[in-house]
Amino acid sequence: MSEEIKKEQNLYTAGEMKKILQTAEMALWLDSYDDIFSDFDPRHYSERSLSDDFLLEMKKVVKDRGRDNYELKFLLAPETRNQNVEPIIKERLHSFFGKQYQKYIKAKKKVVRRGVLLVSLGVILMFIASTLITIFGDHNFLFNFIVILLEPAGWFLSWEGLSDTLSRAEKISPEIKFYQKMSCSKISFISY
């Protein structure tokens, strides 16, 4: 059998398979294509939800690697492969990862916008308090009372805005990295 036909049909000897597994950035053994998708979703591969177990495993594999693009190889028994559905599954995976990436980008922007709004409100309240102190000094009870309310509120909003933005953005950033890497990954199916 020629080398081109072997590669086209993904038929490899044990030694060739060992070399592929050693050089593969990510390789996962699958019993069937259903291992990628949720067991509870009966729809066609082009619409099915991805399995939480699959996503969790992918996150573990990607977490330890520093590259931006990957080659993901799914290893299946030759008798379980259906080369007609593989392009559909590849498209579904890329579509899912791309949509999730966009979703987390929007979520991070929302978190940052909220943080900027809170910090801005806090600074405005502190500016109003400083202006009241400058104009009226300590001579008016009502303005002193308002200053006493505005200063802590301004500090609270500023610190809460910064703290919340940094902690929530830190939680979202790994998700963004994961889905960005996966949406750019090259996916292939190989018979073992």
Foldseek 3Di string as FASTA:
>chain_A
DDPVVCVVLQPDDPVVVVVCVVPFLAEDEDAAPCQQFDPPFPDDLLDTHGDPVNVVVLLVSCVPDDDQAGAYEYEYASVRDDVVCVVSNVVSQLVVLVVQLVVLVVVLVVLLVQLVVLLVQLVVLQVVLVVLCVPPNPPDPVSVVSSVVSNVSSVVSNVCSVVSSVVVSVVSVSSNSSSSRRSRYHYYYHYD
